[in-house]
Amino acid sequence: MIILGGVTRLTHSGLSMVEWRPLLGIIPPLTEAEWMRVFTIYKASPEYQLINFGMDLAGFKSIFLFEYLHRVLGRLIGMLYFVPLVIFWMRGQIPSDVKGRLVLFLILGGCQGLLGWFMVKSGLVDDPRVSQYRLASHLGLAIFLYSCLVWLAFELHARARGVQKSATAILAPWPIALIALVFIMCLSGALVAGTRAGFAYSTWPLMGNSFIPDGLYSMTPWWKSIFEDITTVQFNHRMFAYVLIVLIGYWCVDLWGKGLRLASACVAVALTVQVLLGISALLLHVPVAIGAAHQGGSAVLLTALIFAERSLAWSRQTVTVNRTASVMPAQLGPA
């Protein structure tokens, strides 16, 4: 879903559906008359008038497809989540401490659909571009919801393997901080996409002719540059990446030394691939496939970090249990 959202954005398809029909929207135009009706509505939009003027029906169908698939997949995911939730709930197969989270995730999923339309509406005005703020909110909620589901999946998997419930509640502070930083990095990437800052400097490691380009934080007030100035937005995204490479790389070495080699390798591979995708997207002027893969790569990196964090927390619990088991006989003394 996250990757398809990237494809929809990169193919400039997101503003092709100017209607929001929560129920009937799952049915695509089936007749030529219906296609013409939808196309006529699109012709009145700013995107057609200012960017795609003269586009024929065949061209419209091609951009309509990606946005339609994105919306339908969202509805399908909602149904595949809601129906089993009701069934397992009625059967009493959901742990009581998990029910509240599952309901919350359902509500957030609904909010994500509303937020998606709120984002699209920002591009149906005079300037046919979606707001980078709404784009960051839409992607941020998607990444957050995905991460929560992955976290819960690892937790339930651990319980099924016999890990004590108390162990799944242990948090490792350092990786939690890294997960939060990667999430912020995702929001930074959304600002790059929303402002189209990725096209401003297609060079690496320099931005144009220098590592630190001119014009940083040039807006008034200066903090608006963080969100709206394309030079500053791309520069911040790059610097954020360099910091994360160092911090996550250090943690991978630490994990390897603690014997968590699978977790270390997963994080290292996910980080390396994500960095290479980012650089490739930059140098190649953001091809659709690489750009979408880079967006999806952020979710993969978060998955690897969550897996490593959970592995570290559970390994600490195992060490504690083993130490307790070795000390108890000596404390008890002879029978």
C-alpha atoms as a PDB file:
ATOM      1  CA  MET A   1       0.000   0.000   0.000  1.00  0.00           C
ATOM      2  CA  ILE A   2       2.839   2.364   0.873  1.00  0.00           C
ATOM      3  CA  ILE A   3       4.650   1.516  -2.357  1.00  0.00           C
ATOM      4  CA  LEU A   4       1.487   1.956  -4.429  1.00  0.00           C
ATOM      5  CA  GLY A   5       1.016   5.345  -2.812  1.00  0.00           C
ATOM      6  CA  GLY A   6       4.492   6.242  -4.006  1.00  0.00           C
ATOM      7  CA  VAL A   7       3.709   5.063  -7.536  1.00  0.00           C
ATOM      8  CA  THR A   8       0.492   7.102  -7.542  1.00  0.00           C
ATOM      9  CA  ARG A   9       2.384  10.217  -6.509  1.00  0.00           C
ATOM     10  CA  LEU A  10       5.311   9.733  -8.901  1.00  0.00           C
ATOM     11  CA  THR A  11       3.045   9.103 -11.900  1.00  0.00           C
ATOM     12  CA  HIS A  12       1.097  12.277 -11.047  1.00  0.00           C
ATOM     13  CA  SER A  13      -2.074  10.231 -10.748  1.00  0.00           C
ATOM     14  CA  GLY A  14      -3.244  11.354  -7.331  1.00  0.00           C
ATOM     15  CA  LEU A  15      -5.480  14.175  -8.566  1.00  0.00           C
ATOM     16  CA  SER A  16      -7.162  12.188 -11.338  1.00  0.00           C
ATOM     17  CA  MET A  17     -10.138  11.207  -9.144  1.00  0.00           C
ATOM     18  CA  VAL A  18     -11.736  14.464  -8.085  1.00  0.00           C
ATOM     19  CA  GLU A  19     -14.708  12.761  -6.434  1.00  0.00           C
ATOM     20  CA  TRP A  20     -14.690  10.964  -3.104  1.00  0.00           C
ATOM     21  CA  ARG A  21     -17.337   8.266  -2.931  1.00  0.00           C
ATOM     22  CA  PRO A  22     -16.571   6.045   0.082  1.00  0.00           C
ATOM     23  CA  LEU A  23     -18.983   3.268  -0.919  1.00  0.00           C
ATOM     24  CA  LEU A  24     -19.665   3.572  -4.653  1.00  0.00           C
ATOM     25  CA  GLY A  25     -16.077   4.575  -5.354  1.00  0.00           C
ATOM     26  CA  ILE A  26     -15.041   0.929  -5.396  1.00  0.00           C
ATOM     27  CA  ILE A  27     -16.879   0.506  -8.715  1.00  0.00           C
ATOM     28  CA  PRO A  28     -14.828   1.885 -11.632  1.00  0.00           C
ATOM     29  CA  PRO A  29     -16.373   3.444 -14.751  1.00  0.00           C
ATOM     30  CA  LEU A  30     -17.766   0.505 -16.727  1.00  0.00           C
ATOM     31  CA  THR A  31     -19.209   2.195 -19.784  1.00  0.00           C
ATOM     32  CA  GLU A  32     -17.906   4.767 -22.229  1.00  0.00           C
ATOM     33  CA  ALA A  33     -20.556   7.198 -21.033  1.00  0.00           C
ATOM     34  CA  GLU A  34     -19.399   6.828 -17.442  1.00  0.00           C
ATOM     35  CA  TRP A  35     -15.780   7.319 -18.471  1.00  0.00           C
ATOM     36  CA  MET A  36     -16.721  10.517 -20.286  1.00  0.00           C
ATOM     37  CA  ARG A  37     -18.635  11.745 -17.229  1.00  0.00           C
ATOM     38  CA  VAL A  38     -15.617  11.212 -14.961  1.00  0.00           C
ATOM     39  CA  PHE A  39     -13.255  12.700 -17.559  1.00  0.00           C
ATOM     40  CA  THR A  40     -15.450  15.778 -17.932  1.00  0.00           C
ATOM     41  CA  ILE A  41     -15.285  16.379 -14.179  1.00  0.00           C
ATOM     42  CA  TYR A  42     -11.497  16.032 -14.302  1.00  0.00           C
ATOM     43  CA  LYS A  43     -11.303  18.563 -17.157  1.00  0.00           C
ATOM     44  CA  ALA A  44     -12.673  21.199 -14.812  1.00  0.00           C
ATOM     45  CA  SER A  45      -9.853  20.608 -12.313  1.00  0.00           C
ATOM     46  CA  PRO A  46      -6.803  22.890 -12.091  1.00  0.00           C
ATOM     47  CA  GLU A  47      -4.467  19.997 -12.919  1.00  0.00           C
ATOM     48  CA  TYR A  48      -6.063  19.485 -16.310  1.00  0.00           C
ATOM     49  CA  GLN A  49      -6.329  23.189 -17.037  1.00  0.00           C
ATOM     50  CA  LEU A  50      -2.732  24.023 -16.076  1.00  0.00           C
ATOM     51  CA  ILE A  51      -0.742  20.816 -16.634  1.00  0.00           C
ATOM     52  CA  ASN A  52      -2.586  18.168 -18.616  1.00  0.00           C
ATOM     53  CA  PHE A  53      -4.563  20.394 -20.977  1.00  0.00           C
ATOM     54  CA  GLY A  54      -5.285  18.485 -24.170  1.00  0.00           C
ATOM     55  CA  MET A  55      -4.977  15.054 -22.568  1.00  0.00           C
ATOM     56  CA  ASP A  56      -7.229  12.535 -24.285  1.00  0.00           C
ATOM     57  CA  LEU A  57      -9.408   9.891 -22.667  1.00  0.00           C
ATOM     58  CA  ALA A  58      -6.761   7.172 -23.049  1.00  0.00           C
ATOM     59  CA  GLY A  59      -4.229   9.295 -21.185  1.00  0.00           C
ATOM     60  CA  PHE A  60      -6.756  10.005 -18.466  1.00  0.00           C
ATOM     61  CA  LYS A  61      -7.466   6.305 -18.030  1.00  0.00           C
ATOM     62  CA  SER A  62      -3.773   5.612 -17.467  1.00  0.00           C
ATOM     63  CA  ILE A  63      -3.453   8.053 -14.554  1.00  0.00           C
ATOM     64  CA  PHE A  64      -6.908   7.194 -13.213  1.00  0.00           C
ATOM     65  CA  LEU A  65      -5.831   3.555 -12.847  1.00  0.00           C
ATOM     66  CA  PHE A  66      -3.174   4.106 -10.173  1.00  0.00           C
ATOM     67  CA  GLU A  67      -5.309   6.368  -7.998  1.00  0.00           C
ATOM     68  CA  TYR A  68      -8.246   3.988  -8.341  1.00  0.00           C
ATOM     69  CA  LEU A  69      -6.103   0.990  -7.325  1.00  0.00           C
ATOM     70  CA  HIS A  70      -4.719   2.944  -4.383  1.00  0.00           C
ATOM     71  CA  ARG A  71      -8.189   3.757  -3.083  1.00  0.00           C
ATOM     72  CA  VAL A  72      -9.574   0.279  -3.690  1.00  0.00           C
ATOM     73  CA  LEU A  73      -6.604  -1.339  -1.970  1.00  0.00           C
ATOM     74  CA  GLY A  74      -7.226   0.896   1.033  1.00  0.00           C
ATOM     75  CA  ARG A  75     -10.825  -0.263   1.229  1.00  0.00           C
ATOM     76  CA  LEU A  76      -9.767  -3.899   0.747  1.00  0.00           C
ATOM     77  CA  ILE A  77      -7.240  -3.672   3.569  1.00  0.00           C
ATOM     78  CA  GLY A  78      -9.943  -2.187   5.782  1.00  0.00           C
ATOM     79  CA  MET A  79     -12.314  -5.073   5.054  1.00  0.00           C
ATOM     80  CA  LEU A  80      -9.604  -7.708   5.506  1.00  0.00           C
ATOM     81  CA  TYR A  81      -8.865  -6.151   8.895  1.00  0.00           C
ATOM     82  CA  PHE A  82     -12.423  -5.507  10.080  1.00  0.00           C
ATOM     83  CA  VAL A  83     -14.095  -8.816   9.188  1.00  0.00           C
ATOM     84  CA  PRO A  84     -11.543 -11.138  10.870  1.00  0.00           C
ATOM     85  CA  LEU A  85     -11.440  -8.774  13.855  1.00  0.00           C
ATOM     86  CA  VAL A  86     -15.175  -9.196  14.374  1.00  0.00           C
ATOM     87  CA  ILE A  87     -15.021 -12.963  13.894  1.00  0.00           C
ATOM     88  CA  PHE A  88     -12.100 -13.552  16.285  1.00  0.00           C
ATOM     89  CA  TRP A  89     -13.596 -11.105  18.787  1.00  0.00           C
ATOM     90  CA  MET A  90     -16.914 -12.987  18.864  1.00  0.00           C
ATOM     91  CA  ARG A  91     -15.080 -16.296  19.261  1.00  0.00           C
ATOM     92  CA  GLY A  92     -13.124 -14.932  22.225  1.00  0.00           C
ATOM     93  CA  GLN A  93      -9.798 -15.598  20.531  1.00  0.00           C
ATOM     94  CA  ILE A  94      -8.327 -12.118  21.021  1.00  0.00           C
ATOM     95  CA  PRO A  95      -6.304 -11.503  24.214  1.00  0.00           C
ATOM     96  CA  SER A  96      -7.999  -8.915  26.399  1.00  0.00           C
ATOM     97  CA  ASP A  97      -4.923  -6.680  26.538  1.00  0.00           C
ATOM     98  CA  VAL A  98      -4.801  -6.541  22.734  1.00  0.00           C
ATOM     99  CA  LYS A  99      -8.413  -5.620  22.035  1.00  0.00           C
ATOM    100  CA  GLY A 100      -8.023  -1.923  22.764  1.00  0.00           C
ATOM    101  CA  ARG A 101      -5.065  -1.624  20.405  1.00  0.00           C
ATOM    102  CA  LEU A 102      -6.866  -3.434  17.610  1.00  0.00           C
ATOM    103  CA  VAL A 103      -9.845  -1.102  17.884  1.00  0.00           C
ATOM    104  CA  LEU A 104      -7.516   1.898  17.918  1.00  0.00           C
ATOM    105  CA  PHE A 105      -5.770   0.641  14.769  1.00  0.00           C
ATOM    106  CA  LEU A 106      -9.151   0.270  13.086  1.00  0.00           C
ATOM    107  CA  ILE A 107     -10.032   3.874  13.916  1.00  0.00           C
ATOM    108  CA  LEU A 108      -6.645   5.082  12.682  1.00  0.00           C
ATOM    109  CA  GLY A 109      -7.187   3.172   9.445  1.00  0.00           C
ATOM    110  CA  GLY A 110     -10.439   5.039   8.905  1.00  0.00           C
ATOM    111  CA  CYS A 111      -8.722   8.322   9.704  1.00  0.00           C
ATOM    112  CA  GLN A 112      -6.075   7.470   7.138  1.00  0.00           C
ATOM    113  CA  GLY A 113      -8.715   7.267   4.419  1.00  0.00           C
ATOM    114  CA  LEU A 114     -10.157  10.636   5.452  1.00  0.00           C
ATOM    115  CA  LEU A 115      -6.685  12.143   5.590  1.00  0.00           C
ATOM    116  CA  GLY A 116      -5.970  10.864   2.089  1.00  0.00           C
ATOM    117  CA  TRP A 117      -8.980  12.706   0.701  1.00  0.00           C
ATOM    118  CA  PHE A 118      -8.070  15.793   2.752  1.00  0.00           C
ATOM    119  CA  MET A 119      -4.658  15.661   1.058  1.00  0.00           C
ATOM    120  CA  VAL A 120      -6.156  15.297  -2.428  1.00  0.00           C
ATOM    121  CA  LYS A 121      -8.468  18.257  -1.840  1.00  0.00           C
ATOM    122  CA  SER A 122      -5.427  20.483  -1.288  1.00  0.00           C
ATOM    123  CA  GLY A 123      -4.498  19.902  -4.934  1.00  0.00           C
ATOM    124  CA  LEU A 124      -7.951  20.639  -6.342  1.00  0.00           C
ATOM    125  CA  VAL A 125      -7.459  24.384  -6.001  1.00  0.00           C
ATOM    126  CA  ASP A 126      -5.592  27.021  -8.001  1.00  0.00           C
ATOM    127  CA  ASP A 127      -2.198  25.316  -7.562  1.00  0.00           C
ATOM    128  CA  PRO A 128      -2.584  21.670  -8.659  1.00  0.00           C
ATOM    129  CA  ARG A 129      -0.138  20.242  -6.132  1.00  0.00           C
ATOM    130  CA  VAL A 130      -1.014  18.555  -2.865  1.00  0.00           C
ATOM    131  CA  SER A 131       0.160  20.264   0.290  1.00  0.00           C
ATOM    132  CA  GLN A 132       3.465  18.881   1.548  1.00  0.00           C
ATOM    133  CA  TYR A 133       2.082  19.190   5.063  1.00  0.00           C
ATOM    134  CA  ARG A 134      -0.908  16.998   4.264  1.00  0.00           C
ATOM    135  CA  LEU A 135       1.279  14.602   2.289  1.00  0.00           C
ATOM    136  CA  ALA A 136       3.616  14.250   5.278  1.00  0.00           C
ATOM    137  CA  SER A 137       0.621  13.680   7.558  1.00  0.00           C
ATOM    138  CA  HIS A 138      -0.823  11.035   5.226  1.00  0.00           C
ATOM    139  CA  LEU A 139       2.457   9.163   4.832  1.00  0.00           C
ATOM    140  CA  GLY A 140       3.326   9.621   8.489  1.00  0.00           C
ATOM    141  CA  LEU A 141       0.080   8.058   9.673  1.00  0.00           C
ATOM    142  CA  ALA A 142       0.540   5.173   7.220  1.00  0.00           C
ATOM    143  CA  ILE A 143       4.067   4.502   8.494  1.00  0.00           C
ATOM    144  CA  PHE A 144       2.982   4.843  12.128  1.00  0.00           C
ATOM    145  CA  LEU A 145       0.035   2.471  11.694  1.00  0.00           C
ATOM    146  CA  TYR A 146       2.202  -0.029   9.812  1.00  0.00           C
ATOM    147  CA  SER A 147       4.856   0.084  12.546  1.00  0.00           C
ATOM    148  CA  CYS A 148       2.260  -0.473  15.262  1.00  0.00           C
ATOM    149  CA  LEU A 149       0.911  -3.524  13.444  1.00  0.00           C
ATOM    150  CA  VAL A 150       4.417  -4.935  12.956  1.00  0.00           C
ATOM    151  CA  TRP A 151       5.206  -4.353  16.623  1.00  0.00           C
ATOM    152  CA  LEU A 152       2.024  -6.159  17.676  1.00  0.00           C
ATOM    153  CA  ALA A 153       2.744  -9.021  15.273  1.00  0.00           C
ATOM    154  CA  PHE A 154       6.212  -9.563  16.810  1.00  0.00           C
ATOM    155  CA  GLU A 155       4.712  -9.373  20.291  1.00  0.00           C
ATOM    156  CA  LEU A 156       2.065 -12.008  19.571  1.00  0.00           C
ATOM    157  CA  HIS A 157       4.639 -14.193  17.828  1.00  0.00           C
ATOM    158  CA  ALA A 158       6.839 -14.028  20.907  1.00  0.00           C
ATOM    159  CA  ARG A 159       3.959 -15.053  23.156  1.00  0.00           C
ATOM    160  CA  ALA A 160       3.191 -17.982  20.875  1.00  0.00           C
ATOM    161  CA  ARG A 161       6.811 -19.086  21.309  1.00  0.00           C
ATOM    162  CA  GLY A 162       6.464 -19.021  25.077  1.00  0.00           C
ATOM    163  CA  VAL A 163       8.029 -15.641  25.835  1.00  0.00           C
ATOM    164  CA  GLN A 164       6.493 -14.275  29.009  1.00  0.00           C
ATOM    165  CA  LYS A 165       4.010 -11.437  28.628  1.00  0.00           C
ATOM    166  CA  SER A 166       6.126  -9.261  30.914  1.00  0.00           C
ATOM    167  CA  ALA A 167       9.104  -9.702  28.585  1.00  0.00           C
ATOM    168  CA  THR A 168       7.212  -8.275  25.608  1.00  0.00           C
ATOM    169  CA  ALA A 169       6.692  -5.055  27.583  1.00  0.00           C
ATOM    170  CA  ILE A 170      10.432  -4.417  27.958  1.00  0.00           C
ATOM    171  CA  LEU A 171      11.683  -1.494  25.879  1.00  0.00           C
ATOM    172  CA  ALA A 172      15.270  -0.918  24.813  1.00  0.00           C
ATOM    173  CA  PRO A 173      15.730   2.897  24.898  1.00  0.00           C
ATOM    174  CA  TRP A 174      18.465   3.257  22.261  1.00  0.00           C
ATOM    175  CA  PRO A 175      16.660   1.393  19.455  1.00  0.00           C
ATOM    176  CA  ILE A 176      13.387   3.077  20.381  1.00  0.00           C
ATOM    177  CA  ALA A 177      15.140   6.401  19.787  1.00  0.00           C
ATOM    178  CA  LEU A 178      16.447   5.131  16.433  1.00  0.00           C
ATOM    179  CA  ILE A 179      12.951   4.028  15.410  1.00  0.00           C
ATOM    180  CA  ALA A 180      11.642   7.491  16.272  1.00  0.00           C
ATOM    181  CA  LEU A 181      14.431   9.129  14.253  1.00  0.00           C
ATOM    182  CA  VAL A 182      13.705   6.953  11.221  1.00  0.00           C
ATOM    183  CA  PHE A 183      10.041   7.909  11.508  1.00  0.00           C
ATOM    184  CA  ILE A 184      11.030  11.593  11.492  1.00  0.00           C
ATOM    185  CA  MET A 185      13.243  10.814   8.503  1.00  0.00           C
ATOM    186  CA  CYS A 186      10.170   9.463   6.704  1.00  0.00           C
ATOM    187  CA  LEU A 187       8.381  12.750   7.349  1.00  0.00           C
ATOM    188  CA  SER A 188      11.414  14.566   5.982  1.00  0.00           C
ATOM    189  CA  GLY A 189      11.178  12.419   2.847  1.00  0.00           C
ATOM    190  CA  ALA A 190       7.520  13.372   2.499  1.00  0.00           C
ATOM    191  CA  LEU A 191       8.527  17.036   2.556  1.00  0.00           C
ATOM    192  CA  VAL A 192      11.083  16.320  -0.174  1.00  0.00           C
ATOM    193  CA  ALA A 193       8.347  14.681  -2.241  1.00  0.00           C
ATOM    194  CA  GLY A 194       5.732  17.329  -1.524  1.00  0.00           C
ATOM    195  CA  THR A 195       7.994  20.255  -2.421  1.00  0.00           C
ATOM    196  CA  ARG A 196       9.643  18.266  -5.258  1.00  0.00           C
ATOM    197  CA  ALA A 197      12.975  19.106  -3.686  1.00  0.00           C
ATOM    198  CA  GLY A 198      14.402  15.841  -4.985  1.00  0.00           C
ATOM    199  CA  PHE A 199      14.662  17.376  -8.452  1.00  0.00           C
ATOM    200  CA  ALA A 200      16.472  20.517  -7.280  1.00  0.00           C
ATOM    201  CA  TYR A 201      19.957  19.017  -6.915  1.00  0.00           C
ATOM    202  CA  SER A 202      20.546  15.777  -8.813  1.00  0.00           C
ATOM    203  CA  THR A 203      24.146  15.445  -7.663  1.00  0.00           C
ATOM    204  CA  TRP A 204      25.819  13.541  -4.833  1.00  0.00           C
ATOM    205  CA  PRO A 205      27.629  13.915  -2.483  1.00  0.00           C
ATOM    206  CA  LEU A 206      27.689  17.604  -3.402  1.00  0.00           C
ATOM    207  CA  MET A 207      24.599  19.738  -3.839  1.00  0.00           C
ATOM    208  CA  GLY A 208      25.526  21.475  -7.047  1.00  0.00           C
ATOM    209  CA  ASN A 209      29.106  22.624  -6.545  1.00  0.00           C
ATOM    210  CA  SER A 210      29.312  22.481  -2.766  1.00  0.00           C
ATOM    211  CA  PHE A 211      28.499  20.225   0.147  1.00  0.00           C
ATOM    212  CA  ILE A 212      26.645  23.042   1.910  1.00  0.00           C
ATOM    213  CA  PRO A 213      24.718  25.017  -0.747  1.00  0.00           C
ATOM    214  CA  ASP A 214      23.927  28.704  -0.678  1.00  0.00           C
ATOM    215  CA  GLY A 215      20.496  29.896   0.346  1.00  0.00           C
ATOM    216  CA  LEU A 216      19.864  27.618   3.309  1.00  0.00           C
ATOM    217  CA  TYR A 217      17.186  28.861   5.709  1.00  0.00           C
ATOM    218  CA  SER A 218      16.653  31.946   3.584  1.00  0.00           C
ATOM    219  CA  MET A 219      12.924  32.328   4.188  1.00  0.00           C
ATOM    220  CA  THR A 220      11.396  34.672   6.746  1.00  0.00           C
ATOM    221  CA  PRO A 221      10.814  33.479   9.366  1.00  0.00           C
ATOM    222  CA  TRP A 222      13.748  31.072   9.029  1.00  0.00           C
ATOM    223  CA  TRP A 223      11.913  28.011  10.324  1.00  0.00           C
ATOM    224  CA  LYS A 224       9.561  28.026   7.330  1.00  0.00           C
ATOM    225  CA  SER A 225      12.559  26.977   5.248  1.00  0.00           C
ATOM    226  CA  ILE A 226      12.496  23.599   7.023  1.00  0.00           C
ATOM    227  CA  PHE A 227       9.147  22.841   5.410  1.00  0.00           C
ATOM    228  CA  GLU A 228       8.937  24.968   2.259  1.00  0.00           C
ATOM    229  CA  ASP A 229      12.375  25.899   0.874  1.00  0.00           C
ATOM    230  CA  ILE A 230      13.464  23.174  -1.563  1.00  0.00           C
ATOM    231  CA  THR A 231      17.202  23.682  -0.957  1.00  0.00           C
ATOM    232  CA  THR A 232      16.821  23.467   2.808  1.00  0.00           C
ATOM    233  CA  VAL A 233      14.388  20.542   2.603  1.00  0.00           C
ATOM    234  CA  GLN A 234      16.769  18.448   0.491  1.00  0.00           C
ATOM    235  CA  PHE A 235      19.815  19.461   2.559  1.00  0.00           C
ATOM    236  CA  ASN A 236      18.090  18.465   5.813  1.00  0.00           C
ATOM    237  CA  HIS A 237      17.048  15.124   4.348  1.00  0.00           C
ATOM    238  CA  ARG A 238      20.627  14.378   3.349  1.00  0.00           C
ATOM    239  CA  MET A 239      22.063  15.406   6.721  1.00  0.00           C
ATOM    240  CA  PHE A 240      19.444  13.361   8.528  1.00  0.00           C
ATOM    241  CA  ALA A 241      20.484  10.354   6.448  1.00  0.00           C
ATOM    242  CA  TYR A 242      24.164  10.788   7.322  1.00  0.00           C
ATOM    243  CA  VAL A 243      23.376  10.979  11.030  1.00  0.00           C
ATOM    244  CA  LEU A 244      21.216   7.859  10.874  1.00  0.00           C
ATOM    245  CA  ILE A 245      23.894   5.940   8.968  1.00  0.00           C
ATOM    246  CA  VAL A 246      26.354   6.599  11.787  1.00  0.00           C
ATOM    247  CA  LEU A 247      23.932   5.893  14.636  1.00  0.00           C
ATOM    248  CA  ILE A 248      22.348   2.792  13.144  1.00  0.00           C
ATOM    249  CA  GLY A 249      25.715   1.512  11.940  1.00  0.00           C
ATOM    250  CA  TYR A 250      27.101   1.810  15.466  1.00  0.00           C
ATOM    251  CA  TRP A 251      24.090  -0.070  16.851  1.00  0.00           C
ATOM    252  CA  CYS A 252      24.490  -2.847  14.277  1.00  0.00           C
ATOM    253  CA  VAL A 253      28.062  -3.390  15.471  1.00  0.00           C
ATOM    254  CA  ASP A 254      26.814  -3.450  19.065  1.00  0.00           C
ATOM    255  CA  LEU A 255      24.115  -5.998  18.225  1.00  0.00           C
ATOM    256  CA  TRP A 256      26.632  -8.205  16.451  1.00  0.00           C
ATOM    257  CA  GLY A 257      28.872  -8.147  19.521  1.00  0.00           C
ATOM    258  CA  LYS A 258      25.964  -9.224  21.706  1.00  0.00           C
ATOM    259  CA  GLY A 259      25.313 -12.264  19.545  1.00  0.00           C
ATOM    260  CA  LEU A 260      22.210 -10.896  17.834  1.00  0.00           C
ATOM    261  CA  ARG A 261      23.728 -11.414  14.409  1.00  0.00           C
ATOM    262  CA  LEU A 262      20.508 -12.005  12.480  1.00  0.00           C
ATOM    263  CA  ALA A 263      19.002  -8.782  13.828  1.00  0.00           C
ATOM    264  CA  SER A 264      22.214  -6.889  13.099  1.00  0.00           C
ATOM    265  CA  ALA A 265      22.389  -8.214   9.540  1.00  0.00           C
ATOM    266  CA  CYS A 266      18.724  -7.401   8.831  1.00  0.00           C
ATOM    267  CA  VAL A 267      19.138  -3.797   9.957  1.00  0.00           C
ATOM    268  CA  ALA A 268      22.439  -3.376   8.103  1.00  0.00           C
ATOM    269  CA  VAL A 269      21.045  -4.730   4.833  1.00  0.00           C
ATOM    270  CA  ALA A 270      17.838  -2.675   5.081  1.00  0.00           C
ATOM    271  CA  LEU A 271      19.838   0.482   5.822  1.00  0.00           C
ATOM    272  CA  THR A 272      22.307  -0.115   2.993  1.00  0.00           C
ATOM    273  CA  VAL A 273      19.601  -0.792   0.420  1.00  0.00           C
ATOM    274  CA  GLN A 274      17.616   2.258   1.531  1.00  0.00           C
ATOM    275  CA  VAL A 275      20.654   4.531   1.245  1.00  0.00           C
ATOM    276  CA  LEU A 276      21.512   3.180  -2.210  1.00  0.00           C
ATOM    277  CA  LEU A 277      17.919   3.639  -3.354  1.00  0.00           C
ATOM    278  CA  GLY A 278      17.929   7.219  -2.102  1.00  0.00           C
ATOM    279  CA  ILE A 279      21.149   8.098  -3.889  1.00  0.00           C
ATOM    280  CA  SER A 280      19.982   6.358  -7.074  1.00  0.00           C
ATOM    281  CA  ALA A 281      16.661   8.191  -7.036  1.00  0.00           C
ATOM    282  CA  LEU A 282      18.539  11.469  -6.673  1.00  0.00           C
ATOM    283  CA  LEU A 283      21.068  10.880  -9.449  1.00  0.00           C
ATOM    284  CA  LEU A 284      18.536   9.424 -11.888  1.00  0.00           C
ATOM    285  CA  HIS A 285      15.933  12.195 -11.391  1.00  0.00           C
ATOM    286  CA  VAL A 286      13.563  10.000  -9.370  1.00  0.00           C
ATOM    287  CA  PRO A 287      12.417   7.198 -11.692  1.00  0.00           C
ATOM    288  CA  VAL A 288       9.033   5.818 -10.661  1.00  0.00           C
ATOM    289  CA  ALA A 289      10.301   2.341  -9.750  1.00  0.00           C
ATOM    290  CA  ILE A 290      13.249   3.547  -7.677  1.00  0.00           C
ATOM    291  CA  GLY A 291      11.290   6.356  -6.038  1.00  0.00           C
ATOM    292  CA  ALA A 292       8.500   3.988  -5.006  1.00  0.00           C
ATOM    293  CA  ALA A 293      11.020   1.408  -3.794  1.00  0.00           C
ATOM    294  CA  HIS A 294      12.726   4.101  -1.705  1.00  0.00           C
ATOM    295  CA  GLN A 295       9.411   4.963  -0.086  1.00  0.00           C
ATOM    296  CA  GLY A 296       8.729   1.303   0.605  1.00  0.00           C
ATOM    297  CA  GLY A 297      12.282   0.866   1.855  1.00  0.00           C
ATOM    298  CA  SER A 298      11.550   3.140   4.792  1.00  0.00           C
ATOM    299  CA  ALA A 299       8.917   0.661   5.978  1.00  0.00           C
ATOM    300  CA  VAL A 300      11.358  -2.221   5.511  1.00  0.00           C
ATOM    301  CA  LEU A 301      14.003  -0.400   7.556  1.00  0.00           C
ATOM    302  CA  LEU A 302      11.500   0.251  10.335  1.00  0.00           C
ATOM    303  CA  THR A 303      10.504  -3.424  10.285  1.00  0.00           C
ATOM    304  CA  ALA A 304      14.140  -4.450  10.669  1.00  0.00           C
ATOM    305  CA  LEU A 305      14.650  -1.977  13.531  1.00  0.00           C
ATOM    306  CA  ILE A 306      11.542  -3.195  15.346  1.00  0.00           C
ATOM    307  CA  PHE A 307      12.658  -6.806  14.908  1.00  0.00           C
ATOM    308  CA  ALA A 308      16.107  -5.935  16.289  1.00  0.00           C
ATOM    309  CA  GLU A 309      14.649  -3.977  19.210  1.00  0.00           C
ATOM    310  CA  ARG A 310      12.360  -6.845  20.143  1.00  0.00           C
ATOM    311  CA  SER A 311      15.200  -9.352  19.801  1.00  0.00           C
ATOM    312  CA  LEU A 312      17.371  -7.264  22.125  1.00  0.00           C
ATOM    313  CA  ALA A 313      14.614  -6.858  24.717  1.00  0.00           C
ATOM    314  CA  TRP A 314      13.822 -10.568  24.752  1.00  0.00           C
ATOM    315  CA  SER A 315      17.485 -11.518  24.940  1.00  0.00           C
ATOM    316  CA  ARG A 316      17.849  -9.391  28.074  1.00  0.00           C
ATOM    317  CA  GLN A 317      14.876 -11.143  29.611  1.00  0.00           C
ATOM    318  CA  THR A 318      16.436 -14.512  28.784  1.00  0.00           C
ATOM    319  CA  VAL A 319      19.698 -13.499  30.447  1.00  0.00           C
ATOM    320  CA  THR A 320      17.809 -12.355  33.549  1.00  0.00           C
ATOM    321  CA  VAL A 321      15.879 -15.616  33.749  1.00  0.00           C
ATOM    322  CA  ASN A 322      19.038 -17.687  33.314  1.00  0.00           C
ATOM    323  CA  ARG A 323      20.874 -15.761  36.017  1.00  0.00           C
ATOM    324  CA  THR A 324      17.938 -16.198  38.395  1.00  0.00           C
ATOM    325  CA  ALA A 325      17.830 -19.915  37.707  1.00  0.00           C
ATOM    326  CA  SER A 326      21.557 -20.302  38.461  1.00  0.00           C
ATOM    327  CA  VAL A 327      21.389 -18.289  41.698  1.00  0.00           C
ATOM    328  CA  MET A 328      18.254 -19.797  43.235  1.00  0.00           C
ATOM    329  CA  PRO A 329      19.697 -23.233  44.213  1.00  0.00           C
ATOM    330  CA  ALA A 330      22.575 -21.594  46.081  1.00  0.00           C
ATOM    331  CA  GLN A 331      20.215 -19.290  47.908  1.00  0.00           C
ATOM    332  CA  LEU A 332      17.937 -22.128  48.927  1.00  0.00           C
ATOM    333  CA  GLY A 333      20.758 -24.205  50.381  1.00  0.00           C
ATOM    334  CA  PRO A 334      20.553 -27.943  51.077  1.00  0.00           C
ATOM    335  CA  ALA A 335      17.174 -29.479  51.622  1.00  0.00           C
END
